[in-house]
Amino acid sequence: MDGMVLGPTRYGKAEVRVVRVAKNGDEHSIRDLNVSIALSGDQEATHLSGDNAKVLTTDAQKNAVYSLAAEHGISSPESFALLLARHFLTTCPYISHARVAVEEYAWARIPGAASRHSFLRLGQETRTALVHADADGTESVISGLRDLVVLNSTGSEFHGFYKDPLTTLPETSDRVLATAVDARWLHEGPTEEWDESYGRARSALLTAFADTYSFSLQQTLYAMGEHLLRSDPHVAEVRLALPNRHHFAVDLTPFGQKNDNEVFYAADRPYGLIEGTVRRSGTASASGSAYDRAWD
C-alpha cells in the first residue's frame, strides 16, 4: 500500500521452561529457568510477501534452549542468556540482534533431608487458619499451608499402572517428582503454641516428601500425612492436595545428544491432582457431621 513502510520488528519463542539437573554422584543441584527469546534482523520479506526463507523458526529457538542446556549446563541466568544470544547470532546469518530474557526460580535443598536430591522452592508459602466457634464454647481449629513447592530430582518411579486403549504414558523407573503442597490439619485440642505447632507440621511434611522413595504421588501423600500425625499427637486429621507438576525429559536425540534425566520441560498444565485424607483410626468422619463441617 502506497505510503506504508514496515517499522521495527522482532519475533521469538516466549517462556521456554527448562530445568537442568547437574549430578555429582548422589548430590544434585538444579537451575530452573523461564527463557524468552526475541530476534531481529533481515525479516522484511516474511512480513511483506510471506517469504520465510530467512526465518529461524521459533521451534528451533526453543530447541536451542534445551540443546545448549544439555551441552553446556547452566551456571547462571546471565551466562546462559549470553550463550543463547551468541548462538543465534552466529548460526543464523539473517539475525542481527538477539534479546534473551531469563527468569530464574530458586531452589534450596530441604533442610535435614537424608537425600541430596530433595529441594524446596525458595519463596514463602501461604500459611492458613480456619476457626469455627459456637456459643456453647465448642471450637475447632484447622491450620494449613498452600503453595509449598518442593521437588525430588530422583527417587521417584511410576509404573505398573492400569492401561486402557487410550493409555499412552510410558512407564518410568526414574523421574522428577514435584508438587505445590496444599495441606490442612485439624487440631484435636486447643494449644497456645500455634507457631511451634505450625513449624512441626511444616517440617514433617518436608521430611516425609524428601525421605520417601516414591512409586506414586499417592504413596507420597500418605507418607506426608502419616508423618505429620506422628509428629504431633494433638492433630487428628490431615487433608492434602498435591498437583503433579510434571517435568518431562526433553528428547535430544534429533540433535545427536543424550539426556540422562538432566534436561526437562516443566509443564504447568494440564496436571494430575492427587487429593487424600490421613486420619487417626477411630476419628469421626461421617458426612454432614459437625466434625466434617469444621473443614468448610
Protein backbone atom coordinates (compact mmCIF):
# COMPACT_ATOMS: atom_id res chain seq x y z
CA MET A 1 0.00 0.00 0.00
CA ASP A 2 1.36 3.42 -1.00
CA GLY A 3 2.84 5.47 1.82
CA MET A 4 3.26 2.46 4.12
CA VAL A 5 6.57 1.15 5.40
CA LEU A 6 7.47 -1.65 7.77
CA GLY A 7 8.80 -0.45 11.09
CA PRO A 8 10.95 -2.33 13.62
CA THR A 9 10.04 -5.98 14.14
CA ARG A 10 11.16 -8.89 16.23
CA TYR A 11 9.96 -12.43 16.79
CA GLY A 12 10.83 -15.34 19.02
CA LYS A 13 9.81 -18.01 21.49
CA ALA A 14 8.42 -16.81 24.80
CA GLU A 15 8.54 -18.54 28.17
CA VAL A 16 10.51 -21.68 27.41
CA ARG A 17 10.60 -23.59 30.68
CA VAL A 18 13.82 -25.52 31.21
CA VAL A 19 15.01 -27.34 34.32
CA ARG A 20 18.63 -28.53 34.31
CA VAL A 21 19.75 -31.11 36.86
CA ALA A 22 23.50 -31.24 37.48
CA LYS A 23 24.57 -34.53 39.02
CA ASN A 24 27.66 -35.01 41.16
CA GLY A 25 27.18 -38.58 42.30
CA ASP A 26 24.25 -38.65 44.73
CA GLU A 27 24.38 -34.87 45.15
CA HIS A 28 22.23 -32.96 42.69
CA SER A 29 21.80 -29.26 42.01
CA ILE A 30 19.16 -27.66 39.81
CA ARG A 31 18.66 -24.50 37.79
CA ASP A 32 15.07 -23.70 36.87
CA LEU A 33 14.62 -21.04 34.18
CA ASN A 34 11.90 -19.36 32.16
CA VAL A 35 13.52 -18.16 28.91
CA SER A 36 12.07 -15.70 26.39
CA ILE A 37 13.82 -15.05 23.07
CA ALA A 38 13.25 -12.21 20.58
CA LEU A 39 15.27 -11.94 17.36
CA SER A 40 15.57 -9.05 14.90
CA GLY A 41 17.26 -8.66 11.54
CA ASP A 42 16.57 -9.14 7.86
CA GLN A 43 12.91 -10.11 8.23
CA GLU A 44 11.23 -7.76 5.77
CA ALA A 45 10.35 -10.41 3.19
CA THR A 46 8.34 -12.58 5.55
CA HIS A 47 6.24 -9.58 6.62
CA LEU A 48 5.64 -8.13 3.17
CA SER A 49 5.38 -11.20 0.96
CA GLY A 50 5.30 -14.24 3.23
CA ASP A 51 8.72 -15.42 2.06
CA ASN A 52 10.06 -17.37 5.05
CA ALA A 53 13.50 -18.23 3.68
CA LYS A 54 15.22 -16.05 6.27
CA VAL A 55 13.09 -17.07 9.25
CA LEU A 56 14.67 -19.12 12.02
CA THR A 57 11.63 -20.90 13.41
CA THR A 58 10.57 -20.27 16.98
CA ASP A 59 10.55 -24.05 17.40
CA ALA A 60 14.28 -24.11 16.60
CA GLN A 61 14.78 -21.35 19.16
CA LYS A 62 13.03 -23.48 21.78
CA ASN A 63 15.17 -26.48 20.85
CA ALA A 64 18.32 -24.38 21.23
CA VAL A 65 17.41 -23.74 24.87
CA TYR A 66 17.27 -27.45 25.62
CA SER A 67 20.26 -28.42 23.49
CA LEU A 68 22.59 -25.77 24.95
CA ALA A 69 21.40 -26.55 28.47
CA ALA A 70 22.34 -30.17 27.89
CA GLU A 71 25.70 -29.42 26.29
CA HIS A 72 26.92 -26.59 28.48
CA GLY A 73 24.84 -26.75 31.64
CA ILE A 74 23.51 -23.59 33.30
CA SER A 75 25.96 -21.82 35.58
CA SER A 76 23.88 -18.64 35.91
CA PRO A 77 20.93 -16.92 34.18
CA GLU A 78 23.28 -14.29 32.77
CA SER A 79 25.78 -16.73 31.29
CA PHE A 80 23.03 -18.86 29.78
CA ALA A 81 21.33 -15.82 28.23
CA LEU A 82 24.65 -14.76 26.70
CA LEU A 83 25.24 -18.29 25.41
CA LEU A 84 21.85 -18.32 23.70
CA ALA A 85 22.17 -14.84 22.22
CA ARG A 86 25.60 -15.61 20.77
CA HIS A 87 24.31 -18.91 19.42
CA PHE A 88 21.57 -17.25 17.39
CA LEU A 89 23.86 -14.51 16.09
CA THR A 90 26.50 -16.98 14.92
CA THR A 91 24.22 -19.69 13.49
CA CYS A 92 21.65 -17.63 11.58
CA PRO A 93 23.08 -15.08 9.10
CA TYR A 94 19.78 -13.18 8.94
CA ILE A 95 19.71 -12.26 12.62
CA SER A 96 21.41 -9.02 13.69
CA HIS A 97 20.05 -8.67 17.20
CA ALA A 98 19.08 -11.23 19.84
CA ARG A 99 17.18 -10.42 23.00
CA VAL A 100 17.11 -13.15 25.66
CA ALA A 101 15.25 -12.56 28.91
CA VAL A 102 15.57 -15.11 31.72
CA GLU A 103 13.70 -15.58 34.96
CA GLU A 104 15.14 -17.99 37.50
CA TYR A 105 13.13 -19.86 40.10
CA ALA A 106 15.44 -20.54 43.03
CA TRP A 107 15.57 -23.83 44.91
CA ALA A 108 17.39 -24.92 48.06
CA ARG A 109 17.88 -28.39 49.47
CA ILE A 110 15.31 -29.39 52.06
CA PRO A 111 16.99 -28.81 55.45
CA GLY A 112 17.80 -32.00 57.31
CA ALA A 113 16.78 -34.28 54.45
CA ALA A 114 18.72 -37.53 54.24
CA SER A 115 18.87 -37.31 50.46
CA ARG A 116 20.85 -34.84 48.39
CA HIS A 117 18.22 -34.62 45.67
CA SER A 118 15.27 -33.09 47.55
CA PHE A 119 14.56 -29.41 47.03
CA LEU A 120 12.36 -26.65 48.42
CA ARG A 121 11.31 -23.80 46.15
CA LEU A 122 12.51 -20.56 47.73
CA GLY A 123 9.76 -18.05 48.36
CA GLN A 124 7.34 -18.14 51.25
CA GLU A 125 4.31 -20.38 51.09
CA THR A 126 0.97 -19.07 52.34
CA ARG A 127 0.04 -20.08 55.88
CA THR A 128 -3.68 -20.58 56.53
CA ALA A 129 -6.00 -20.97 59.51
CA LEU A 130 -9.72 -21.73 59.82
CA VAL A 131 -11.62 -21.44 63.11
CA HIS A 132 -15.21 -22.39 63.96
CA ALA A 133 -16.61 -21.33 67.33
CA ASP A 134 -20.09 -21.92 68.81
CA ALA A 135 -21.90 -20.06 71.57
CA ASP A 136 -21.67 -23.15 73.75
CA GLY A 137 -17.90 -22.88 73.74
CA THR A 138 -17.27 -25.51 71.08
CA GLU A 139 -14.32 -24.59 68.92
CA SER A 140 -12.36 -26.14 66.08
CA VAL A 141 -9.07 -25.02 64.62
CA ILE A 142 -7.66 -26.08 61.25
CA SER A 143 -4.15 -24.95 60.37
CA GLY A 144 -2.63 -25.24 56.95
CA LEU A 145 -0.44 -24.03 54.15
CA ARG A 146 -0.59 -23.79 50.38
CA ASP A 147 1.90 -23.34 47.54
CA LEU A 148 4.78 -25.04 49.36
CA VAL A 149 6.68 -26.00 46.21
CA VAL A 150 9.02 -29.00 46.52
CA LEU A 151 10.90 -31.25 44.12
CA ASN A 152 12.82 -34.53 44.16
CA SER A 153 15.17 -34.75 41.17
CA THR A 154 15.28 -38.56 41.51
CA GLY A 155 13.99 -41.22 43.90
CA SER A 156 10.62 -41.50 42.19
CA GLU A 157 9.13 -44.12 39.87
CA PHE A 158 5.76 -44.69 38.23
CA HIS A 159 4.94 -48.00 36.58
CA GLY A 160 2.64 -51.00 36.77
CA PHE A 161 -0.48 -48.85 36.28
CA TYR A 162 -3.67 -49.99 34.56
CA LYS A 163 -3.63 -49.46 30.81
CA ASP A 164 -6.80 -48.90 28.79
CA PRO A 165 -6.89 -48.48 24.99
CA LEU A 166 -6.15 -44.72 25.32
CA THR A 167 -3.16 -45.05 27.65
CA THR A 168 -0.01 -43.58 26.11
CA LEU A 169 2.00 -42.66 29.21
CA PRO A 170 5.27 -44.62 29.31
CA GLU A 171 6.37 -46.34 32.49
CA THR A 172 9.40 -44.90 34.24
CA SER A 173 11.81 -46.02 36.94
CA ASP A 174 13.39 -42.58 37.39
CA ARG A 175 11.50 -39.31 37.22
CA VAL A 176 11.36 -35.83 38.72
CA LEU A 177 8.62 -35.57 41.34
CA ALA A 178 7.45 -32.01 42.00
CA THR A 179 4.36 -30.56 43.62
CA ALA A 180 2.92 -27.46 45.30
CA VAL A 181 1.69 -28.76 48.65
CA ASP A 182 -1.75 -27.69 49.83
CA ALA A 183 -2.21 -29.15 53.31
CA ARG A 184 -4.64 -28.59 56.18
CA TRP A 185 -4.70 -30.30 59.54
CA LEU A 186 -7.34 -30.39 62.27
CA HIS A 187 -6.24 -29.93 65.86
CA GLU A 188 -7.78 -32.31 68.37
CA GLY A 189 -7.45 -29.90 71.27
CA PRO A 190 -6.56 -26.24 71.80
CA THR A 191 -2.96 -25.16 72.11
CA GLU A 192 -1.34 -21.82 72.71
CA GLU A 193 1.81 -22.76 70.80
CA TRP A 194 0.45 -22.25 67.32
CA ASP A 195 3.72 -21.11 65.76
CA GLU A 196 5.60 -24.10 67.18
CA SER A 197 2.84 -26.45 66.03
CA TYR A 198 2.91 -24.99 62.54
CA GLY A 199 6.69 -25.34 62.40
CA ARG A 200 6.50 -29.02 63.39
CA ALA A 201 3.83 -29.73 60.80
CA ARG A 202 5.69 -27.96 58.00
CA SER A 203 8.91 -29.76 58.90
CA ALA A 204 7.12 -33.12 58.98
CA LEU A 205 5.65 -32.57 55.51
CA LEU A 206 9.04 -31.64 54.07
CA THR A 207 10.86 -34.51 55.75
CA ALA A 208 8.37 -37.09 54.51
CA PHE A 209 8.45 -35.73 50.97
CA ALA A 210 12.25 -35.81 50.91
CA ASP A 211 12.76 -39.17 52.61
CA THR A 212 10.06 -41.21 50.86
CA TYR A 213 11.22 -43.26 47.89
CA SER A 214 8.11 -42.79 45.82
CA PHE A 215 6.35 -45.22 43.49
CA SER A 216 3.43 -42.81 43.11
CA LEU A 217 2.44 -39.35 44.28
CA GLN A 218 -0.41 -41.07 46.12
CA GLN A 219 2.12 -43.00 48.20
CA THR A 220 3.99 -39.78 48.95
CA LEU A 221 0.74 -38.09 50.01
CA TYR A 222 0.04 -40.82 52.55
CA ALA A 223 3.61 -40.72 53.87
CA MET A 224 3.38 -36.95 54.36
CA GLY A 225 0.08 -37.15 56.22
CA GLU A 226 1.22 -40.05 58.37
CA HIS A 227 4.46 -38.30 59.34
CA LEU A 228 2.60 -35.14 60.31
CA LEU A 229 0.23 -37.11 62.54
CA ARG A 230 3.16 -38.88 64.19
CA SER A 231 4.94 -35.57 64.78
CA ASP A 232 2.04 -34.00 66.70
CA PRO A 233 -0.31 -36.09 68.89
CA HIS A 234 -2.76 -33.17 69.01
CA VAL A 235 -3.50 -33.33 65.28
CA ALA A 236 -6.44 -35.58 64.40
CA GLU A 237 -6.57 -35.45 60.62
CA VAL A 238 -4.63 -34.15 57.61
CA ARG A 239 -6.07 -33.30 54.22
CA LEU A 240 -3.70 -32.89 51.30
CA ALA A 241 -3.99 -31.78 47.68
CA LEU A 242 -0.87 -32.37 45.59
CA PRO A 243 -0.83 -31.19 41.97
CA ASN A 244 1.70 -33.18 39.96
CA ARG A 245 3.97 -30.53 38.47
CA HIS A 246 5.12 -32.60 35.53
CA HIS A 247 8.73 -32.42 34.36
CA PHE A 248 9.16 -34.15 31.02
CA ALA A 249 12.63 -35.20 29.87
CA VAL A 250 13.36 -33.43 26.59
CA ASP A 251 14.11 -35.70 23.63
CA LEU A 252 17.56 -34.56 22.49
CA THR A 253 18.16 -37.39 20.02
CA PRO A 254 17.26 -35.20 17.00
CA PHE A 255 20.30 -33.09 17.93
CA GLY A 256 22.59 -36.10 18.41
CA GLN A 257 22.61 -35.65 22.18
CA LYS A 258 21.77 -37.90 25.11
CA ASN A 259 19.56 -36.87 28.02
CA ASP A 260 20.30 -38.78 31.21
CA ASN A 261 17.36 -37.17 33.03
CA GLU A 262 19.20 -33.86 33.19
CA VAL A 263 17.20 -31.51 30.93
CA PHE A 264 13.45 -31.17 31.47
CA TYR A 265 10.46 -29.26 30.20
CA ALA A 266 8.44 -28.04 33.19
CA ALA A 267 4.77 -28.12 32.19
CA ASP A 268 2.21 -26.08 34.11
CA ARG A 269 -0.97 -27.61 32.66
CA PRO A 270 -2.75 -29.90 32.40
CA TYR A 271 -1.63 -31.64 35.57
CA GLY A 272 -2.59 -34.58 37.70
CA LEU A 273 -4.19 -33.62 41.00
CA ILE A 274 -3.86 -36.08 43.87
CA GLU A 275 -6.06 -35.49 46.92
CA GLY A 276 -6.41 -37.51 50.08
CA THR A 277 -7.01 -37.62 53.81
CA VAL A 278 -4.94 -39.28 56.50
CA ARG A 279 -6.55 -39.60 59.92
CA ARG A 280 -6.06 -41.50 63.12
CA SER A 281 -8.08 -44.70 63.32
CA GLY A 282 -11.37 -44.12 65.13
CA THR A 283 -11.58 -40.47 64.09
CA ALA A 284 -15.15 -39.43 63.34
CA SER A 285 -15.76 -38.59 59.72
CA ALA A 286 -19.43 -39.17 58.97
CA SER A 287 -20.60 -36.97 56.13
CA GLY A 288 -22.53 -33.95 57.37
CA SER A 289 -21.29 -34.32 60.93
CA ALA A 290 -20.08 -31.34 62.93
CA TYR A 291 -16.63 -32.84 62.57
CA ASP A 292 -16.70 -32.64 58.79
CA ARG A 293 -18.34 -29.21 58.81
CA ALA A 294 -15.26 -27.88 60.59
CA TRP A 295 -13.42 -28.12 57.27
CA ASP A 296 -15.85 -25.89 55.34
